PDB file of all heavy atoms in Angstrom:
ATOM      1  N   GLU A   1     -14.998  -5.513   2.543  1.00  0.00           N
ATOM      2  CA  GLU A   1     -15.050  -5.143   1.114  1.00  0.00           C
ATOM      3  C   GLU A   1     -14.468  -3.762   0.915  1.00  0.00           C
ATOM      4  O   GLU A   1     -14.766  -2.827   1.641  1.00  0.00           O
ATOM      5  CB  GLU A   1     -16.485  -5.152   0.612  1.00  0.00           C
ATOM      6  CG  GLU A   1     -16.605  -4.858  -0.895  1.00  0.00           C
ATOM      7  CD  GLU A   1     -17.992  -5.123  -1.459  1.00  0.00           C
ATOM      8  OE1 GLU A   1     -18.365  -6.267  -1.605  1.00  0.00           O
ATOM      9  OE2 GLU A   1     -18.647  -4.100  -1.772  1.00  0.00           O
ATOM     10  N   LYS A   2     -13.562  -3.674  -0.044  1.00  0.00           N
ATOM     11  CA  LYS A   2     -12.895  -2.441  -0.387  1.00  0.00           C
ATOM     12  C   LYS A   2     -13.399  -1.939  -1.703  1.00  0.00           C
ATOM     13  O   LYS A   2     -13.636  -2.726  -2.617  1.00  0.00           O
ATOM     14  CB  LYS A   2     -11.360  -2.669  -0.479  1.00  0.00           C
ATOM     15  CG  LYS A   2     -10.756  -3.170   0.799  1.00  0.00           C
ATOM     16  CD  LYS A   2     -10.536  -2.058   1.814  1.00  0.00           C
ATOM     17  CE  LYS A   2      -9.723  -2.574   3.020  1.00  0.00           C
ATOM     18  NZ  LYS A   2      -9.446  -1.493   3.971  1.00  0.00           N
ATOM     19  N   THR A   3     -13.533  -0.613  -1.874  1.00  0.00           N
ATOM     20  CA  THR A   3     -13.952  -0.013  -3.102  1.00  0.00           C
ATOM     21  C   THR A   3     -12.908   0.989  -3.562  1.00  0.00           C
ATOM     22  O   THR A   3     -12.386   1.756  -2.772  1.00  0.00           O
ATOM     23  CB  THR A   3     -15.303   0.717  -2.933  1.00  0.00           C
ATOM     24  OG1 THR A   3     -16.277  -0.223  -2.510  1.00  0.00           O
ATOM     25  CG2 THR A   3     -15.760   1.340  -4.220  1.00  0.00           C
ATOM     26  N   ALA A   4     -12.593   0.964  -4.802  1.00  0.00           N
ATOM     27  CA  ALA A   4     -11.623   1.859  -5.410  1.00  0.00           C
ATOM     28  C   ALA A   4     -12.305   3.209  -5.673  1.00  0.00           C
ATOM     29  O   ALA A   4     -13.267   3.247  -6.510  1.00  0.00           O
ATOM     30  CB  ALA A   4     -11.010   1.334  -6.686  1.00  0.00           C
ATOM     31  N   PRO A   5     -11.927   4.274  -5.049  1.00  0.00           N
ATOM     32  CA  PRO A   5     -12.592   5.612  -5.244  1.00  0.00           C
ATOM     33  C   PRO A   5     -12.480   6.063  -6.696  1.00  0.00           C
ATOM     34  O   PRO A   5     -11.434   5.949  -7.336  1.00  0.00           O
ATOM     35  CB  PRO A   5     -11.795   6.517  -4.336  1.00  0.00           C
ATOM     36  CG  PRO A   5     -11.144   5.676  -3.331  1.00  0.00           C
ATOM     37  CD  PRO A   5     -10.852   4.382  -4.059  1.00  0.00           C
ATOM     38  N   GLY A   6     -13.616   6.540  -7.219  1.00  0.00           N
ATOM     39  CA  GLY A   6     -13.628   7.083  -8.558  1.00  0.00           C
ATOM     40  C   GLY A   6     -13.647   6.042  -9.699  1.00  0.00           C
ATOM     41  O   GLY A   6     -13.775   6.433 -10.859  1.00  0.00           O
ATOM     42  N   ALA A   7     -13.522   4.782  -9.360  1.00  0.00           N
ATOM     43  CA  ALA A   7     -13.529   3.741 -10.395  1.00  0.00           C
ATOM     44  C   ALA A   7     -14.949   3.546 -10.923  1.00  0.00           C
ATOM     45  O   ALA A   7     -15.908   3.511 -10.105  1.00  0.00           O
ATOM     46  CB  ALA A   7     -12.984   2.446  -9.863  1.00  0.00           C
ATOM     47  N   PRO A   8     -15.117   3.390 -12.202  1.00  0.00           N
ATOM     48  CA  PRO A   8     -16.470   3.202 -12.755  1.00  0.00           C
ATOM     49  C   PRO A   8     -17.075   1.871 -12.353  1.00  0.00           C
ATOM     50  O   PRO A   8     -16.364   0.884 -12.170  1.00  0.00           O
ATOM     51  CB  PRO A   8     -16.223   3.256 -14.283  1.00  0.00           C
ATOM     52  CG  PRO A   8     -14.812   2.859 -14.470  1.00  0.00           C
ATOM     53  CD  PRO A   8     -14.106   3.357 -13.276  1.00  0.00           C
ATOM     54  N   ILE A   9     -18.372   1.847 -12.196  1.00  0.00           N
ATOM     55  CA  ILE A   9     -19.127   0.628 -11.906  1.00  0.00           C
ATOM     56  C   ILE A   9     -19.339  -0.159 -13.181  1.00  0.00           C
ATOM     57  O   ILE A   9     -19.820   0.405 -14.158  1.00  0.00           O
ATOM     58  CB  ILE A   9     -20.448   0.926 -11.241  1.00  0.00           C
ATOM     59  CG1 ILE A   9     -20.230   1.681  -9.902  1.00  0.00           C
ATOM     60  CG2 ILE A   9     -21.280  -0.302 -10.999  1.00  0.00           C
ATOM     61  CD1 ILE A   9     -21.491   2.186  -9.240  1.00  0.00           C
ATOM     62  N   PRO A  10     -18.979  -1.401 -13.218  1.00  0.00           N
ATOM     63  CA  PRO A  10     -19.215  -2.183 -14.460  1.00  0.00           C
ATOM     64  C   PRO A  10     -20.705  -2.200 -14.843  1.00  0.00           C
ATOM     65  O   PRO A  10     -21.563  -2.300 -13.979  1.00  0.00           O
ATOM     66  CB  PRO A  10     -18.748  -3.605 -14.043  1.00  0.00           C
ATOM     67  CG  PRO A  10     -17.766  -3.407 -12.962  1.00  0.00           C
ATOM     68  CD  PRO A  10     -18.271  -2.205 -12.191  1.00  0.00           C
ATOM     69  N   THR A  11     -20.954  -2.075 -16.121  1.00  0.00           N
ATOM     70  CA  THR A  11     -22.314  -2.101 -16.633  1.00  0.00           C
ATOM     71  C   THR A  11     -22.400  -3.168 -17.699  1.00  0.00           C
ATOM     72  O   THR A  11     -21.820  -3.046 -18.791  1.00  0.00           O
ATOM     73  CB  THR A  11     -22.681  -0.735 -17.262  1.00  0.00           C
ATOM     74  OG1 THR A  11     -21.651  -0.359 -18.208  1.00  0.00           O
ATOM     75  CG2 THR A  11     -22.732   0.355 -16.176  1.00  0.00           C
ATOM     76  N   ALA A  12     -23.054  -4.241 -17.334  1.00  0.00           N
ATOM     77  CA  ALA A  12     -23.089  -5.418 -18.234  1.00  0.00           C
ATOM     78  C   ALA A  12     -23.798  -5.077 -19.559  1.00  0.00           C
ATOM     79  O   ALA A  12     -24.840  -4.441 -19.593  1.00  0.00           O
ATOM     80  CB  ALA A  12     -23.836  -6.562 -17.556  1.00  0.00           C
ATOM     81  N   SER A  13     -23.149  -5.469 -20.649  1.00  0.00           N
ATOM     82  CA  SER A  13     -23.712  -5.269 -21.979  1.00  0.00           C
ATOM     83  C   SER A  13     -24.956  -6.133 -22.126  1.00  0.00           C
ATOM     84  O   SER A  13     -25.012  -7.269 -21.666  1.00  0.00           O
ATOM     85  CB  SER A  13     -22.715  -5.641 -23.043  1.00  0.00           C
ATOM     86  OG  SER A  13     -23.341  -5.802 -24.299  1.00  0.00           O
ATOM     87  N   PRO A  14     -26.048  -5.637 -22.789  1.00  0.00           N
ATOM     88  CA  PRO A  14     -27.211  -6.464 -23.021  1.00  0.00           C
ATOM     89  C   PRO A  14     -26.904  -7.653 -23.909  1.00  0.00           C
ATOM     90  O   PRO A  14     -27.667  -8.627 -23.929  1.00  0.00           O
ATOM     91  CB  PRO A  14     -28.213  -5.474 -23.686  1.00  0.00           C
ATOM     92  CG  PRO A  14     -27.354  -4.370 -24.250  1.00  0.00           C
ATOM     93  CD  PRO A  14     -26.193  -4.254 -23.292  1.00  0.00           C
ATOM     94  N   ASN A  15     -25.790  -7.601 -24.669  1.00  0.00           N
ATOM     95  CA  ASN A  15     -25.394  -8.729 -25.541  1.00  0.00           C
ATOM     96  C   ASN A  15     -24.325  -9.577 -24.931  1.00  0.00           C
ATOM     97  O   ASN A  15     -23.659 -10.346 -25.661  1.00  0.00           O
ATOM     98  CB  ASN A  15     -24.890  -8.144 -26.904  1.00  0.00           C
ATOM     99  CG  ASN A  15     -25.979  -7.394 -27.646  1.00  0.00           C
ATOM    100  OD1 ASN A  15     -27.134  -7.781 -27.651  1.00  0.00           O
ATOM    101  ND2 ASN A  15     -25.595  -6.283 -28.267  1.00  0.00           N
ATOM    102  N   ARG A  16     -24.124  -9.489 -23.595  1.00  0.00           N
ATOM    103  CA  ARG A  16     -22.979 -10.150 -23.004  1.00  0.00           C
ATOM    104  C   ARG A  16     -22.980 -11.648 -23.147  1.00  0.00           C
ATOM    105  O   ARG A  16     -21.935 -12.288 -23.067  1.00  0.00           O
ATOM    106  CB  ARG A  16     -22.884  -9.793 -21.521  1.00  0.00           C
ATOM    107  CG  ARG A  16     -24.047 -10.241 -20.663  1.00  0.00           C
ATOM    108  CD  ARG A  16     -23.942  -9.620 -19.255  1.00  0.00           C
ATOM    109  NE  ARG A  16     -24.958 -10.048 -18.362  1.00  0.00           N
ATOM    110  CZ  ARG A  16     -26.191  -9.595 -18.295  1.00  0.00           C
ATOM    111  NH1 ARG A  16     -26.561  -8.652 -19.172  1.00  0.00           N
ATOM    112  NH2 ARG A  16     -27.080 -10.009 -17.426  1.00  0.00           N
ATOM    113  N   PHE A  17     -24.147 -12.294 -23.336  1.00  0.00           N
ATOM    114  CA  PHE A  17     -24.190 -13.743 -23.471  1.00  0.00           C
ATOM    115  C   PHE A  17     -23.955 -14.198 -24.920  1.00  0.00           C
ATOM    116  O   PHE A  17     -23.892 -15.384 -25.171  1.00  0.00           O
ATOM    117  CB  PHE A  17     -25.532 -14.269 -23.033  1.00  0.00           C
ATOM    118  CG  PHE A  17     -25.785 -14.023 -21.535  1.00  0.00           C
ATOM    119  CD1 PHE A  17     -26.739 -13.118 -21.104  1.00  0.00           C
ATOM    120  CD2 PHE A  17     -25.044 -14.695 -20.586  1.00  0.00           C
ATOM    121  CE1 PHE A  17     -26.953 -12.870 -19.774  1.00  0.00           C
ATOM    122  CE2 PHE A  17     -25.249 -14.442 -19.217  1.00  0.00           C
ATOM    123  CZ  PHE A  17     -26.215 -13.530 -18.821  1.00  0.00           C
ATOM    124  N   ALA A  18     -23.792 -13.229 -25.845  1.00  0.00           N
ATOM    125  CA  ALA A  18     -23.652 -13.544 -27.262  1.00  0.00           C
ATOM    126  C   ALA A  18     -22.323 -13.066 -27.812  1.00  0.00           C
ATOM    127  O   ALA A  18     -22.133 -13.097 -29.037  1.00  0.00           O
ATOM    128  CB  ALA A  18     -24.797 -12.948 -28.052  1.00  0.00           C
ATOM    129  N   GLU A  19     -21.392 -12.619 -26.966  1.00  0.00           N
ATOM    130  CA  GLU A  19     -20.149 -12.060 -27.457  1.00  0.00           C
ATOM    131  C   GLU A  19     -19.073 -12.164 -26.338  1.00  0.00           C
ATOM    132  O   GLU A  19     -19.425 -12.409 -25.189  1.00  0.00           O
ATOM    133  CB  GLU A  19     -20.312 -10.607 -27.879  1.00  0.00           C
ATOM    134  CG  GLU A  19     -20.826  -9.697 -26.752  1.00  0.00           C
ATOM    135  CD  GLU A  19     -21.286  -8.339 -27.253  1.00  0.00           C
ATOM    136  OE1 GLU A  19     -21.457  -8.148 -28.469  1.00  0.00           O
ATOM    137  OE2 GLU A  19     -21.477  -7.451 -26.410  1.00  0.00           O
ATOM    138  N   PRO A  20     -17.795 -11.963 -26.670  1.00  0.00           N
ATOM    139  CA  PRO A  20     -16.751 -12.014 -25.658  1.00  0.00           C
ATOM    140  C   PRO A  20     -16.948 -10.944 -24.580  1.00  0.00           C
ATOM    141  O   PRO A  20     -17.696  -9.987 -24.767  1.00  0.00           O
ATOM    142  CB  PRO A  20     -15.453 -11.761 -26.432  1.00  0.00           C
ATOM    143  CG  PRO A  20     -15.814 -12.070 -27.849  1.00  0.00           C
ATOM    144  CD  PRO A  20     -17.248 -11.728 -28.012  1.00  0.00           C
ATOM    145  N   TYR A  21     -16.241 -11.101 -23.454  1.00  0.00           N
ATOM    146  CA  TYR A  21     -16.350 -10.109 -22.380  1.00  0.00           C
ATOM    147  C   TYR A  21     -15.578  -8.843 -22.750  1.00  0.00           C
ATOM    148  O   TYR A  21     -14.549  -8.914 -23.382  1.00  0.00           O
ATOM    149  CB  TYR A  21     -15.762 -10.716 -21.086  1.00  0.00           C
ATOM    150  CG  TYR A  21     -15.980  -9.809 -19.895  1.00  0.00           C
ATOM    151  CD1 TYR A  21     -17.170  -9.896 -19.148  1.00  0.00           C
ATOM    152  CD2 TYR A  21     -15.032  -8.832 -19.544  1.00  0.00           C
ATOM    153  CE1 TYR A  21     -17.352  -9.046 -18.058  1.00  0.00           C
ATOM    154  CE2 TYR A  21     -15.236  -8.014 -18.454  1.00  0.00           C
ATOM    155  CZ  TYR A  21     -16.371  -8.119 -17.720  1.00  0.00           C
ATOM    156  OH  TYR A  21     -16.612  -7.280 -16.652  1.00  0.00           O
ATOM    157  N   GLY A  22     -16.063  -7.700 -22.324  1.00  0.00           N
ATOM    158  CA  GLY A  22     -15.316  -6.450 -22.502  1.00  0.00           C
ATOM    159  C   GLY A  22     -16.174  -5.239 -22.705  1.00  0.00           C
ATOM    160  O   GLY A  22     -15.664  -4.122 -22.570  1.00  0.00           O
ATOM    161  N   ASP A  23     -17.447  -5.402 -23.040  1.00  0.00           N
ATOM    162  CA  ASP A  23     -18.264  -4.247 -23.362  1.00  0.00           C
ATOM    163  C   ASP A  23     -18.949  -3.735 -22.075  1.00  0.00           C
ATOM    164  O   ASP A  23     -20.160  -3.815 -21.921  1.00  0.00           O
ATOM    165  CB  ASP A  23     -19.327  -4.641 -24.422  1.00  0.00           C
ATOM    166  CG  ASP A  23     -20.042  -3.406 -24.999  1.00  0.00           C
ATOM    167  OD1 ASP A  23     -19.641  -2.295 -24.620  1.00  0.00           O
ATOM    168  OD2 ASP A  23     -20.955  -3.594 -25.822  1.00  0.00           O
ATOM    169  N   ASP A  24     -18.135  -3.255 -21.127  1.00  0.00           N
ATOM    170  CA  ASP A  24     -18.681  -2.648 -19.943  1.00  0.00           C
ATOM    171  C   ASP A  24     -17.812  -1.449 -19.519  1.00  0.00           C
ATOM    172  O   ASP A  24     -16.672  -1.312 -19.957  1.00  0.00           O
ATOM    173  CB  ASP A  24     -18.869  -3.629 -18.766  1.00  0.00           C
ATOM    174  CG  ASP A  24     -17.558  -3.948 -18.062  1.00  0.00           C
ATOM    175  OD1 ASP A  24     -16.993  -2.990 -17.469  1.00  0.00           O
ATOM    176  OD2 ASP A  24     -17.168  -5.113 -18.024  1.00  0.00           O
ATOM    177  N   ALA A  25     -18.389  -0.564 -18.744  1.00  0.00           N
ATOM    178  CA  ALA A  25     -17.722   0.718 -18.466  1.00  0.00           C
ATOM    179  C   ALA A  25     -16.366   0.566 -17.787  1.00  0.00           C
ATOM    180  O   ALA A  25     -15.386   1.245 -18.097  1.00  0.00           O
ATOM    181  CB  ALA A  25     -18.645   1.558 -17.537  1.00  0.00           C
ATOM    182  N   ALA A  26     -16.268  -0.420 -16.817  1.00  0.00           N
ATOM    183  CA  ALA A  26     -15.005  -0.603 -16.092  1.00  0.00           C
ATOM    184  C   ALA A  26     -13.920  -1.151 -17.008  1.00  0.00           C
ATOM    185  O   ALA A  26     -12.739  -0.766 -16.929  1.00  0.00           O
ATOM    186  CB  ALA A  26     -15.226  -1.531 -14.921  1.00  0.00           C
ATOM    187  N   TYR A  27     -14.255  -2.121 -17.881  1.00  0.00           N
ATOM    188  CA  TYR A  27     -13.269  -2.670 -18.805  1.00  0.00           C
ATOM    189  C   TYR A  27     -12.774  -1.610 -19.764  1.00  0.00           C
ATOM    190  O   TYR A  27     -11.537  -1.449 -19.976  1.00  0.00           O
ATOM    191  CB  TYR A  27     -13.900  -3.804 -19.594  1.00  0.00           C
ATOM    192  CG  TYR A  27     -12.925  -4.585 -20.489  1.00  0.00           C
ATOM    193  CD1 TYR A  27     -12.386  -5.789 -20.085  1.00  0.00           C
ATOM    194  CD2 TYR A  27     -12.548  -4.083 -21.738  1.00  0.00           C
ATOM    195  CE1 TYR A  27     -11.527  -6.503 -20.894  1.00  0.00           C
ATOM    196  CE2 TYR A  27     -11.659  -4.794 -22.517  1.00  0.00           C
ATOM    197  CZ  TYR A  27     -11.156  -5.987 -22.100  1.00  0.00           C
ATOM    198  OH  TYR A  27     -10.274  -6.677 -22.912  1.00  0.00           O
ATOM    199  N   ILE A  28     -13.692  -0.840 -20.331  1.00  0.00           N
ATOM    200  CA  ILE A  28     -13.280   0.243 -21.264  1.00  0.00           C
ATOM    201  C   ILE A  28     -12.457   1.285 -20.559  1.00  0.00           C
ATOM    202  O   ILE A  28     -11.467   1.819 -21.108  1.00  0.00           O
ATOM    203  CB  ILE A  28     -14.520   0.834 -21.943  1.00  0.00           C
ATOM    204  CG1 ILE A  28     -15.184  -0.216 -22.846  1.00  0.00           C
ATOM    205  CG2 ILE A  28     -14.159   2.077 -22.724  1.00  0.00           C
ATOM    206  CD1 ILE A  28     -16.494   0.197 -23.446  1.00  0.00           C
ATOM    207  N   ALA A  29     -12.793   1.589 -19.266  1.00  0.00           N
ATOM    208  CA  ALA A  29     -11.991   2.542 -18.533  1.00  0.00           C
ATOM    209  C   ALA A  29     -10.579   2.059 -18.325  1.00  0.00           C
ATOM    210  O   ALA A  29      -9.627   2.836 -18.417  1.00  0.00           O
ATOM    211  CB  ALA A  29     -12.695   2.854 -17.165  1.00  0.00           C
TER     212      ALA A  29
END
């Protein structure tokens, strides 16, 4: 397993099952 240094860890939105994907720290970054 490789990890990208400094990349934000995805944080799942509490509404993720009721809306499209994208509301997490890694996507926004």
